[in-house]
Amino acid sequence: MKKCDNLPILSQIDSKGFPNLRLVDLTEASSTIVENFIQGKNLNIVKWLCLKKCMIQKLPSNLFFCSQLQVLDLTQCQSLEEIPSPISQLNALQELDLNGCSNLKELPSSIGQLNALQELHLNGCSKLQELPSSIGQLNALQKIYLNECSNLKELPSSIGQLNALQKLHLWKCSKLEELPSSIGQLYALQELDLNGCSNLKELPSSIGQLNALQELHLSWCSKLEELPSSIGQLNALQKLHLSSCSNLKELPSSIGHLNALQEFDLNECSNLKELPSSIGHLNALQELHLNGCSKLEELPSFIGQLNALQKLHLSWWSNLKELPSSIGQLNALQELHLNGCSNLKELPSSIGQLNALQKLYLNGCSNLKELPSFIGQLNALEELHLNGCSKLEELPSSIGQLYALQELDLRRCSNLKELPSSIGQLNALQKLDLNECSSLKELPSSIGQLNALQKLDLNKCSSLKELPSSIGQLNALQELDLNECSNLKELPSSIGQLNALQKLDLRRCSNLKNYLHLLTN
């Protein structure tokens, strides 16, 4: 009955006429409709009641006689200022949704009597300043969502009594300064989300007692300066996210005891100066994110001990000059991200030992002059990104041994003068991007051997004067971009053989003449 504000007979409907009535949806109904429907009705059989976005200031008193009600949805009832104490009569209630009730200032202490309650949703209750201590009596409670409760200053110590609690989400509770030590008693807790708690200064040492904790999210906790050493006791922890903790200067050595840790996110920890050697003991670690850690000057050699590591993100390290040779020991590594490492001059030869590597990102490595010949040993490599490597003058001939390579990105390699003839051996290559390779004068004839090539981008290759006739052998080519190839004077007659070609861009090829007769196919 969504938005049915003009039904005059609603006040006459008795649920006795609907013996199987279980779900009632009054989304966006007026307060009058809600009052008329609920007051004087026998709603004992209703299990799910939705009053989402209803402009009600208070709840009808008869609502609390819904003895079988399991779900009460009051999402975005923005005029609702309080929950009356008789809510404790809803003995069967399992889920109470108050998300977006932006005028709700407090919860009644009687809420602690909801013995069946499993989920409590309070996201966006921006005027809520505290939780009643009686909340600790909710023995069945499994999930509490308090995201964006921007005026919530503290949690009651009684929260530690919630023996069944599995998820506690406090995302963007920007006035929360600390957690009660009793939080360590939440032995069933699996997820603790504190992302965006910008005034949180520390974690209690008792956090190490959370033996079931699998995910700990602390991203954007900009005042957090350190982690307690007890964090190393979290034996079940699989995800630890500390992205943008800009005041975090060091990690405790105990972090190496996190034997179950699979994801470790330290992106944009701009004051982090070093990594403890114990990180090399994280045998289960699959992803390590260190993008934008601008004060880290080197990647320690113990990184090579991470036998399970699949993704390593090191982008935007302005001080990174080299990688340790031990990086070649990462036998499980599938992705290596080094975008924007503007002081990186070379890659270690050991990189050729990364037999599982599928994606290598070197975009914006503006001081990288060459690739080691050992790169040809990367048998699993599918993507090689070199966008903006402006000092790169040539590619090693061994690049032709990358038989799994599907995408080669050489955009804005402005000093790249030629491609090795071995490039024609890349039988799996589907995309070759040479956009803005302004020093490239010609393509090798072997390019015609790229049987899988679907896209060839030569946009703004301003020194390119001609294309090899072998280009007509590219039977899978769908897109050929020659936009702004200002020195290109003619197209080879073989271009008419490109039967799969769907897009040909010849805009601003100011020196190109008499080519229309070649395109009749």
Protein backbone atom coordinates (compact mmCIF):
# COMPACT_ATOMS: atom_id res chain seq x y z
CA MET A 1 0.00 0.00 0.00
CA LYS A 2 2.83 2.36 -0.85
CA LYS A 3 1.77 6.02 -1.14
CA CYS A 4 -1.95 5.11 -0.89
CA ASP A 5 -2.84 8.32 0.92
CA ASN A 6 -6.34 8.63 -0.53
CA LEU A 7 -7.85 5.31 0.51
CA PRO A 8 -10.71 6.30 2.86
CA ILE A 9 -11.58 2.72 3.85
CA LEU A 10 -8.18 1.94 5.36
CA SER A 11 -9.51 2.72 8.81
CA GLN A 12 -12.24 0.13 8.33
CA ILE A 13 -9.97 -2.76 7.34
CA ASP A 14 -9.67 -5.44 10.01
CA SER A 15 -6.96 -8.02 9.74
CA LYS A 16 -9.61 -10.66 10.50
CA GLY A 17 -10.54 -10.21 6.86
CA PHE A 18 -7.00 -11.22 5.93
CA PRO A 19 -6.32 -14.38 7.92
CA ASN A 20 -2.98 -14.91 6.14
CA LEU A 21 -1.70 -11.34 6.39
CA ARG A 22 1.98 -11.49 7.29
CA LEU A 23 3.66 -8.56 5.50
CA VAL A 24 2.51 -4.93 5.49
CA ASP A 25 4.28 -2.26 3.43
CA LEU A 26 3.23 1.36 4.09
CA THR A 27 6.30 3.00 2.53
CA GLU A 28 5.90 6.80 2.23
CA ALA A 29 2.39 6.72 3.66
CA SER A 30 1.16 9.80 5.53
CA SER A 31 0.97 9.80 9.32
CA THR A 32 -2.83 9.70 9.03
CA ILE A 33 -2.76 6.53 6.95
CA VAL A 34 -0.33 4.85 9.34
CA GLU A 35 -2.44 5.84 12.33
CA ASN A 36 -5.71 4.72 10.72
CA PHE A 37 -4.34 1.38 9.63
CA ILE A 38 -2.64 0.39 12.85
CA GLN A 39 -4.92 1.88 15.53
CA GLY A 40 -7.76 -0.43 16.52
CA LYS A 41 -6.54 -3.33 14.40
CA ASN A 42 -5.64 -6.83 15.42
CA LEU A 43 -2.17 -7.13 13.90
CA ASN A 44 -0.99 -10.06 15.98
CA ILE A 45 -0.31 -12.14 12.88
CA VAL A 46 1.86 -9.56 11.07
CA LYS A 47 5.55 -10.51 10.99
CA TRP A 48 7.03 -7.79 8.76
CA LEU A 49 5.98 -4.13 8.91
CA CYS A 50 7.56 -1.49 6.69
CA LEU A 51 6.99 2.19 7.51
CA LYS A 52 9.93 3.41 5.44
CA LYS A 53 9.96 7.17 4.72
CA CYS A 54 6.69 7.75 6.59
CA MET A 55 6.40 11.27 8.02
CA ILE A 56 5.48 10.13 11.51
CA GLN A 57 6.63 11.85 14.70
CA LYS A 58 5.67 8.99 16.96
CA LEU A 59 4.75 5.34 16.67
CA PRO A 60 1.09 4.32 17.08
CA SER A 61 0.57 2.69 20.48
CA ASN A 62 -1.21 -0.32 18.98
CA LEU A 63 1.95 -1.20 17.10
CA PHE A 64 3.35 -2.67 20.29
CA PHE A 65 0.67 -5.35 20.40
CA CYS A 66 2.09 -7.00 17.26
CA SER A 67 3.18 -10.02 19.26
CA GLN A 68 4.55 -11.92 16.22
CA LEU A 69 6.35 -9.00 14.57
CA GLN A 70 9.86 -10.01 13.54
CA VAL A 71 10.96 -7.09 11.34
CA LEU A 72 10.14 -3.41 11.92
CA ASP A 73 11.49 -1.13 9.19
CA LEU A 74 11.47 2.58 10.04
CA THR A 75 14.17 3.60 7.54
CA GLN A 76 14.30 7.36 6.84
CA CYS A 77 11.42 8.29 9.10
CA GLN A 78 13.08 11.67 9.45
CA SER A 79 10.42 13.21 11.70
CA LEU A 80 10.68 10.44 14.27
CA GLU A 81 12.29 11.84 17.42
CA GLU A 82 11.96 8.98 19.86
CA ILE A 83 11.20 5.31 20.27
CA PRO A 84 8.71 4.83 23.13
CA SER A 85 9.56 2.43 25.93
CA PRO A 86 6.66 0.01 25.15
CA ILE A 87 8.77 -1.24 22.23
CA SER A 88 10.00 -3.79 24.75
CA GLN A 89 6.67 -5.62 24.27
CA LEU A 90 7.74 -6.78 20.79
CA ASN A 91 9.06 -10.06 22.11
CA ALA A 92 9.47 -11.68 18.69
CA LEU A 93 11.32 -8.75 17.07
CA GLN A 94 14.51 -9.89 15.31
CA GLU A 95 15.39 -6.84 13.22
CA LEU A 96 14.90 -3.16 14.00
CA ASP A 97 15.83 -0.80 11.17
CA LEU A 98 16.17 2.88 12.08
CA ASN A 99 18.59 3.86 9.29
CA GLY A 100 18.34 7.53 8.33
CA CYS A 101 16.16 8.57 11.28
CA SER A 102 18.12 11.79 11.44
CA ASN A 103 16.07 13.36 14.29
CA LEU A 104 16.29 10.39 16.62
CA LYS A 105 18.18 11.53 19.71
CA GLU A 106 18.10 8.50 21.96
CA LEU A 107 16.93 4.95 22.43
CA PRO A 108 14.82 3.90 25.43
CA SER A 109 16.48 1.79 28.09
CA SER A 110 13.67 -0.73 27.60
CA ILE A 111 15.28 -1.73 24.29
CA GLY A 112 17.41 -4.10 26.34
CA GLN A 113 14.34 -6.29 26.84
CA LEU A 114 14.12 -7.26 23.16
CA ASN A 115 15.46 -10.73 23.83
CA ALA A 116 15.00 -11.96 20.23
CA LEU A 117 16.68 -8.98 18.54
CA GLN A 118 19.45 -10.06 16.16
CA GLU A 119 20.04 -6.91 14.06
CA LEU A 120 19.96 -3.25 15.05
CA HIS A 121 20.38 -0.72 12.22
CA LEU A 122 21.10 2.89 13.21
CA ASN A 123 23.08 4.16 10.20
CA GLY A 124 22.75 7.90 9.65
CA CYS A 125 21.12 8.66 13.02
CA SER A 126 23.15 11.84 13.14
CA LYS A 127 21.62 13.22 16.38
CA LEU A 128 22.15 10.07 18.40
CA GLN A 129 24.75 10.84 21.06
CA GLU A 130 24.82 7.65 23.09
CA LEU A 131 23.48 4.14 23.46
CA PRO A 132 21.68 3.07 26.62
CA SER A 133 23.68 0.79 28.90
CA SER A 134 20.81 -1.71 28.71
CA ILE A 135 21.96 -2.57 25.20
CA GLY A 136 24.31 -5.04 26.85
CA GLN A 137 21.27 -7.20 27.72
CA LEU A 138 20.59 -8.07 24.06
CA ASN A 139 21.94 -11.60 24.27
CA ALA A 140 20.78 -12.57 20.76
CA LEU A 141 22.16 -9.48 19.02
CA GLN A 142 24.48 -10.39 16.14
CA LYS A 143 24.82 -7.14 14.17
CA ILE A 144 24.94 -3.46 15.11
CA TYR A 145 25.24 -0.81 12.39
CA LEU A 146 26.08 2.71 13.59
CA ASN A 147 27.64 4.11 10.42
CA GLU A 148 27.57 7.92 10.13
CA CYS A 149 26.27 8.47 13.65
CA SER A 150 28.30 11.64 13.59
CA ASN A 151 27.39 12.77 17.14
CA LEU A 152 28.06 9.47 18.87
CA LYS A 153 30.82 10.18 21.36
CA GLU A 154 31.24 6.88 23.14
CA LEU A 155 30.05 3.31 23.45
CA PRO A 156 28.77 2.04 26.81
CA SER A 157 31.04 -0.42 28.60
CA SER A 158 28.09 -2.81 28.71
CA ILE A 159 28.63 -3.45 25.00
CA GLY A 160 31.16 -6.06 26.07
CA GLN A 161 28.27 -8.21 27.32
CA LEU A 162 26.99 -8.89 23.78
CA ASN A 163 28.17 -12.48 23.61
CA ALA A 164 26.55 -13.19 20.22
CA LEU A 165 27.71 -10.02 18.44
CA GLN A 166 29.42 -10.78 15.13
CA LYS A 167 29.45 -7.40 13.36
CA LEU A 168 30.01 -3.92 14.80
CA HIS A 169 30.09 -1.13 12.21
CA LEU A 170 31.01 2.41 13.29
CA TRP A 171 32.01 3.89 9.94
CA LYS A 172 32.33 7.71 10.03
CA CYS A 173 31.49 8.10 13.72
CA SER A 174 33.63 11.20 13.61
CA LYS A 175 33.23 12.19 17.31
CA LEU A 176 34.19 8.79 18.67
CA GLU A 177 37.53 9.20 20.48
CA GLU A 178 37.99 5.82 22.10
CA LEU A 179 36.58 2.35 22.52
CA PRO A 180 35.78 0.86 25.96
CA SER A 181 38.22 -1.79 27.13
CA SER A 182 35.24 -4.12 27.51
CA ILE A 183 35.21 -4.47 23.72
CA GLY A 184 37.76 -7.23 24.21
CA GLN A 185 34.98 -9.39 25.67
CA LEU A 186 33.17 -9.64 22.33
CA TYR A 187 34.43 -13.16 21.75
CA ALA A 188 32.09 -13.81 18.78
CA LEU A 189 32.97 -10.57 16.94
CA GLN A 190 34.04 -11.19 13.34
CA GLU A 191 33.94 -7.66 11.84
CA LEU A 192 34.88 -4.35 13.42
CA ASP A 193 34.54 -1.38 11.06
CA LEU A 194 35.99 1.91 12.32
CA ASN A 195 36.68 3.48 8.91
CA GLY A 196 36.48 7.27 9.00
CA CYS A 197 36.53 7.59 12.81
CA SER A 198 38.68 10.66 12.39
CA ASN A 199 38.97 11.44 16.13
CA LEU A 200 39.90 7.94 17.25
CA LYS A 201 43.34 8.25 18.83
CA GLU A 202 44.05 4.72 20.02
CA LEU A 203 42.76 1.20 20.34
CA PRO A 204 42.50 -0.49 23.75
CA SER A 205 45.00 -3.27 24.36
CA SER A 206 42.06 -5.57 25.08
CA ILE A 207 41.41 -5.68 21.33
CA GLY A 208 43.89 -8.54 21.20
CA GLN A 209 41.35 -10.74 22.99
CA LEU A 210 39.00 -10.79 19.96
CA ASN A 211 39.83 -14.34 18.98
CA ALA A 212 37.09 -14.59 16.33
CA LEU A 213 37.85 -11.26 14.63
CA GLN A 214 38.35 -11.69 10.88
CA GLU A 215 38.15 -8.09 9.62
CA LEU A 216 39.44 -4.89 11.22
CA HIS A 217 38.85 -1.68 9.25
CA LEU A 218 40.63 1.49 10.40
CA SER A 219 41.00 3.45 7.15
CA TRP A 220 40.86 7.27 7.42
CA CYS A 221 41.44 7.20 11.18
CA SER A 222 43.67 10.22 10.74
CA LYS A 223 44.52 10.70 14.45
CA LEU A 224 45.54 7.11 15.07
CA GLU A 225 49.27 7.17 15.83
CA GLU A 226 49.98 3.56 16.77
CA LEU A 227 48.54 0.09 17.11
CA PRO A 228 48.74 -1.82 20.40
CA SER A 229 51.21 -4.69 20.41
CA SER A 230 48.34 -6.96 21.44
CA ILE A 231 47.07 -6.78 17.86
CA GLY A 232 49.42 -9.66 17.12
CA GLN A 233 47.15 -11.93 19.17
CA LEU A 234 44.33 -11.76 16.59
CA ASN A 235 44.81 -15.29 15.33
CA ALA A 236 41.73 -15.28 13.08
CA LEU A 237 42.32 -11.86 11.46
CA GLN A 238 42.17 -12.04 7.66
CA LYS A 239 41.80 -8.35 6.69
CA LEU A 240 43.54 -5.36 8.24
CA HIS A 241 42.84 -2.04 6.53
CA LEU A 242 44.75 1.08 7.62
CA SER A 243 44.48 3.16 4.45
CA SER A 244 44.99 6.93 4.93
CA CYS A 245 45.99 6.68 8.60
CA SER A 246 48.16 9.72 8.01
CA ASN A 247 49.55 9.92 11.57
CA LEU A 248 50.58 6.29 11.81
CA LYS A 249 54.37 6.28 12.05
CA GLU A 250 55.21 2.66 12.80
CA LEU A 251 53.77 -0.81 13.14
CA PRO A 252 54.38 -3.10 16.12
CA SER A 253 56.66 -6.04 15.45
CA SER A 254 53.91 -8.31 16.80
CA ILE A 255 52.08 -7.79 13.53
CA GLY A 256 54.15 -10.63 12.15
CA HIS A 257 52.18 -13.02 14.39
CA LEU A 258 48.99 -12.56 12.33
CA ASN A 259 49.19 -16.01 10.79
CA ALA A 260 45.76 -15.84 9.12
CA LEU A 261 46.17 -12.36 7.58
CA GLN A 262 45.35 -12.31 3.86
CA GLU A 263 44.85 -8.58 3.10
CA PHE A 264 46.97 -5.77 4.54
CA ASP A 265 46.11 -2.26 3.31
CA LEU A 266 48.48 0.60 4.20
CA ASN A 267 47.70 2.86 1.23
CA GLU A 268 48.40 6.57 1.83
CA CYS A 269 49.97 6.07 5.27
CA SER A 270 52.08 9.09 4.45
CA ASN A 271 54.02 9.19 7.76
CA LEU A 272 54.93 5.52 7.89
CA LYS A 273 58.73 5.43 7.82
CA GLU A 274 59.54 1.72 7.86
CA LEU A 275 58.06 -1.74 7.88
CA PRO A 276 58.96 -4.18 10.67
CA SER A 277 60.97 -7.17 9.51
CA SER A 278 58.37 -9.43 11.08
CA ILE A 279 56.09 -8.71 8.11
CA GLY A 280 58.08 -11.38 6.31
CA HIS A 281 56.46 -13.94 8.64
CA LEU A 282 52.95 -13.34 7.25
CA ASN A 283 52.75 -16.67 5.48
CA ALA A 284 49.07 -16.36 4.53
CA LEU A 285 49.30 -12.81 3.13
CA GLN A 286 47.87 -12.55 -0.39
CA GLU A 287 47.55 -8.76 -0.85
CA LEU A 288 49.85 -5.99 0.39
CA HIS A 289 48.85 -2.41 -0.44
CA LEU A 290 51.48 0.29 0.10
CA ASN A 291 50.44 2.90 -2.50
CA GLY A 292 51.37 6.47 -1.58
CA CYS A 293 53.54 5.63 1.44
CA SER A 294 55.73 8.57 0.53
CA LYS A 295 58.15 8.35 3.49
CA LEU A 296 59.07 4.74 2.81
CA GLU A 297 62.33 4.89 0.89
CA GLU A 298 62.92 1.23 0.20
CA LEU A 299 61.19 -2.09 0.05
CA PRO A 300 62.92 -4.35 2.59
CA SER A 301 64.47 -7.59 1.37
CA PHE A 302 62.33 -9.70 3.70
CA ILE A 303 59.43 -9.04 1.32
CA GLY A 304 60.67 -12.06 -0.60
CA GLN A 305 59.57 -14.34 2.24
CA LEU A 306 55.87 -13.75 1.52
CA ASN A 307 55.26 -17.05 -0.24
CA ALA A 308 51.49 -16.61 -0.63
CA LEU A 309 51.56 -12.99 -1.89
CA GLN A 310 49.48 -12.51 -5.05
CA LYS A 311 49.13 -8.70 -5.27
CA LEU A 312 51.77 -6.11 -4.37
CA HIS A 313 50.85 -2.41 -4.70
CA LEU A 314 53.75 0.06 -4.49
CA SER A 315 52.43 2.92 -6.64
CA TRP A 316 53.29 6.58 -5.98
CA TRP A 317 56.43 5.93 -3.95
CA SER A 318 58.33 9.04 -4.95
CA ASN A 319 61.44 7.95 -3.02
CA LEU A 320 61.63 4.39 -4.34
CA LYS A 321 64.80 4.01 -6.42
CA GLU A 322 65.11 0.26 -6.68
CA LEU A 323 63.49 -3.04 -5.81
CA PRO A 324 65.28 -5.71 -3.78
CA SER A 325 66.45 -8.73 -5.74
CA SER A 326 64.50 -10.88 -3.28
CA ILE A 327 61.31 -9.81 -5.07
CA GLY A 328 62.03 -12.63 -7.50
CA GLN A 329 61.21 -15.12 -4.73
CA LEU A 330 57.52 -14.18 -4.75
CA ASN A 331 56.46 -17.34 -6.56
CA ALA A 332 52.71 -16.70 -6.16
CA LEU A 333 52.76 -13.03 -7.25
CA GLN A 334 50.16 -12.27 -9.94
CA GLU A 335 50.07 -8.44 -9.91
CA LEU A 336 52.84 -5.91 -9.33
CA HIS A 337 51.84 -2.22 -9.27
CA LEU A 338 54.60 0.41 -9.52
CA ASN A 339 52.67 3.30 -11.10
CA GLY A 340 54.10 6.76 -10.46
CA CYS A 341 57.41 5.59 -8.97
CA SER A 342 59.13 8.49 -10.66
CA ASN A 343 62.61 7.76 -9.23
CA LEU A 344 62.70 4.08 -10.13
CA LYS A 345 65.49 3.70 -12.68
CA GLU A 346 65.63 -0.04 -13.25
CA LEU A 347 64.10 -3.37 -12.38
CA PRO A 348 66.17 -6.18 -10.86
CA SER A 349 66.99 -9.07 -13.16
CA SER A 350 65.34 -11.38 -10.62
CA ILE A 351 61.99 -10.10 -11.80
CA GLY A 352 62.20 -12.71 -14.52
CA GLN A 353 61.69 -15.39 -11.86
CA LEU A 354 58.09 -14.31 -11.19
CA ASN A 355 56.54 -17.25 -12.99
CA ALA A 356 52.97 -16.49 -11.84
CA LEU A 357 53.01 -12.76 -12.71
CA GLN A 358 50.05 -11.78 -14.90
CA LYS A 359 49.98 -7.98 -14.65
CA LEU A 360 52.88 -5.53 -14.40
CA TYR A 361 52.07 -1.81 -14.01
CA LEU A 362 54.89 0.70 -14.54
CA ASN A 363 52.84 3.72 -15.66
CA GLY A 364 54.49 7.06 -14.92
CA CYS A 365 57.91 5.62 -14.05
CA SER A 366 59.46 8.60 -15.79
CA ASN A 367 63.09 7.69 -14.94
CA LEU A 368 62.91 4.09 -16.09
CA LYS A 369 65.38 3.82 -19.00
CA GLU A 370 65.17 0.14 -19.86
CA LEU A 371 63.60 -3.18 -19.08
CA PRO A 372 65.83 -6.12 -18.17
CA SER A 373 66.13 -8.84 -20.81
CA PHE A 374 64.93 -11.27 -18.17
CA ILE A 375 61.44 -9.84 -18.54
CA GLY A 376 61.00 -12.29 -21.40
CA GLN A 377 60.91 -15.11 -18.86
CA LEU A 378 57.54 -13.99 -17.51
CA ASN A 379 55.60 -16.82 -19.12
CA ALA A 380 52.26 -15.95 -17.46
CA LEU A 381 52.33 -12.18 -18.14
CA GLU A 382 49.09 -10.98 -19.74
CA GLU A 383 49.33 -7.18 -19.29
CA LEU A 384 52.37 -4.87 -19.42
CA HIS A 385 51.67 -1.19 -18.75
CA LEU A 386 54.39 1.38 -19.47
CA ASN A 387 52.28 4.51 -20.01
CA GLY A 388 54.37 7.67 -19.47
CA CYS A 389 57.79 5.99 -19.22
CA SER A 390 59.25 8.98 -21.04
CA LYS A 391 62.93 7.90 -20.80
CA LEU A 392 62.36 4.45 -22.21
CA GLU A 393 64.14 4.33 -25.58
CA GLU A 394 63.77 0.68 -26.54
CA LEU A 395 62.34 -2.66 -25.53
CA PRO A 396 64.49 -5.77 -25.14
CA SER A 397 64.18 -8.32 -27.94
CA SER A 398 63.25 -10.87 -25.28
CA ILE A 399 59.84 -9.23 -25.06
CA GLY A 400 58.84 -11.46 -27.96
CA GLN A 401 58.95 -14.42 -25.57
CA LEU A 402 55.92 -13.15 -23.63
CA TYR A 403 53.63 -15.63 -25.32
CA ALA A 404 50.71 -14.99 -22.91
CA LEU A 405 50.78 -11.19 -23.34
CA GLN A 406 47.39 -9.78 -24.33
CA GLU A 407 47.87 -6.05 -23.70
CA LEU A 408 50.96 -3.88 -24.22
CA ASP A 409 50.54 -0.25 -23.18
CA LEU A 410 53.31 2.09 -24.38
CA ARG A 411 51.37 5.36 -24.39
CA ARG A 412 53.40 8.54 -23.97
CA CYS A 413 56.75 6.73 -24.22
CA SER A 414 57.96 9.83 -26.00
CA ASN A 415 61.57 8.62 -26.44
CA LEU A 416 60.73 5.20 -27.81
CA LYS A 417 62.24 5.15 -31.29
CA GLU A 418 61.48 1.64 -32.48
CA LEU A 419 59.95 -1.70 -31.63
CA PRO A 420 62.00 -4.90 -31.77
CA SER A 421 61.14 -7.24 -34.64
CA SER A 422 60.51 -9.96 -32.04
CA ILE A 423 57.24 -8.23 -31.21
CA GLY A 424 55.71 -10.24 -34.03
CA GLN A 425 56.02 -13.36 -31.88
CA LEU A 426 53.35 -12.14 -29.43
CA ASN A 427 50.68 -14.50 -30.67
CA ALA A 428 48.21 -13.70 -27.87
CA LEU A 429 48.50 -9.88 -28.14
CA GLN A 430 45.08 -8.25 -28.55
CA LYS A 431 45.83 -4.61 -27.80
CA LEU A 432 48.92 -2.55 -28.70
CA ASP A 433 48.76 1.07 -27.57
CA LEU A 434 51.42 3.45 -28.92
CA ASN A 435 49.49 6.67 -28.40
CA GLU A 436 51.81 9.75 -28.26
CA CYS A 437 54.99 7.82 -29.01
CA SER A 438 56.20 10.92 -30.79
CA SER A 439 59.70 9.58 -31.58
CA LEU A 440 58.51 6.37 -33.20
CA LYS A 441 59.41 6.52 -36.90
CA GLU A 442 58.34 3.12 -38.14
CA LEU A 443 56.76 -0.19 -37.26
CA PRO A 444 58.62 -3.46 -37.89
CA SER A 445 57.23 -5.58 -40.73
CA SER A 446 56.85 -8.42 -38.23
CA ILE A 447 53.83 -6.60 -36.81
CA GLY A 448 51.78 -8.37 -39.46
CA GLN A 449 52.31 -11.65 -37.58
CA LEU A 450 50.13 -10.51 -34.65
CA ASN A 451 47.22 -12.80 -35.52
CA ALA A 452 45.19 -11.98 -32.38
CA LEU A 453 45.62 -8.18 -32.51
CA GLN A 454 42.25 -6.41 -32.28
CA LYS A 455 43.26 -2.82 -31.48
CA LEU A 456 46.28 -0.83 -32.70
CA ASP A 457 46.50 2.73 -31.40
CA LEU A 458 49.01 5.03 -33.15
CA ASN A 459 47.32 8.31 -32.19
CA LYS A 460 49.75 11.28 -32.22
CA CYS A 461 52.72 9.28 -33.47
CA SER A 462 53.87 12.44 -35.17
CA SER A 463 57.17 11.00 -36.51
CA LEU A 464 55.56 8.03 -38.20
CA LYS A 465 55.85 8.38 -42.00
CA GLU A 466 54.56 5.09 -43.26
CA LEU A 467 53.01 1.77 -42.31
CA PRO A 468 54.48 -1.59 -43.37
CA SER A 469 52.55 -3.45 -46.04
CA SER A 470 52.39 -6.42 -43.67
CA ILE A 471 49.73 -4.54 -41.70
CA GLY A 472 47.20 -6.00 -44.12
CA GLN A 473 47.81 -9.43 -42.55
CA LEU A 474 46.21 -8.41 -39.26
CA ASN A 475 43.10 -10.50 -39.84
CA ALA A 476 41.63 -9.88 -36.35
CA LEU A 477 42.19 -6.10 -36.31
CA GLN A 478 38.99 -4.22 -35.41
CA GLU A 479 40.33 -0.75 -34.54
CA LEU A 480 43.16 1.24 -36.13
CA ASP A 481 43.72 4.73 -34.75
CA LEU A 482 45.97 7.02 -36.82
CA ASN A 483 44.55 10.30 -35.53
CA GLU A 484 47.10 13.18 -35.72
CA CYS A 485 49.81 11.15 -37.44
CA SER A 486 50.79 14.41 -39.06
CA ASN A 487 53.77 13.01 -41.02
CA LEU A 488 52.00 9.98 -42.42
CA LYS A 489 51.99 10.45 -46.19
CA GLU A 490 50.33 7.32 -47.49
CA LEU A 491 48.60 4.10 -46.55
CA PRO A 492 49.79 0.76 -47.91
CA SER A 493 47.46 -0.82 -50.45
CA SER A 494 47.25 -3.89 -48.20
CA ILE A 495 45.08 -1.94 -45.76
CA GLY A 496 42.12 -2.93 -47.88
CA GLN A 497 42.63 -6.53 -46.73
CA LEU A 498 41.62 -5.77 -43.15
CA ASN A 499 38.27 -7.53 -43.35
CA ALA A 500 37.58 -7.39 -39.59
CA LEU A 501 38.26 -3.64 -39.33
CA GLN A 502 35.35 -1.75 -37.76
CA LYS A 503 36.95 1.57 -36.88
CA LEU A 504 39.58 3.56 -38.77
CA ASP A 505 40.51 7.00 -37.45
CA LEU A 506 42.39 9.23 -39.90
CA ARG A 507 41.52 12.63 -38.47
CA ARG A 508 44.15 15.38 -38.70
CA CYS A 509 46.47 13.29 -40.88
CA SER A 510 47.30 16.49 -42.72
CA ASN A 511 49.86 14.97 -45.12
CA LEU A 512 47.81 11.93 -46.06
CA LYS A 513 46.46 12.05 -49.61
CA ASN A 514 44.66 9.84 -52.12
CA TYR A 515 43.67 7.04 -49.80
CA LEU A 516 39.95 6.68 -50.41
CA HIS A 517 40.42 4.20 -53.25
CA LEU A 518 42.21 1.86 -50.80
CA LEU A 519 39.19 1.63 -48.55
CA THR A 520 36.65 0.27 -51.00
CA ASN A 521 36.55 -3.04 -49.09
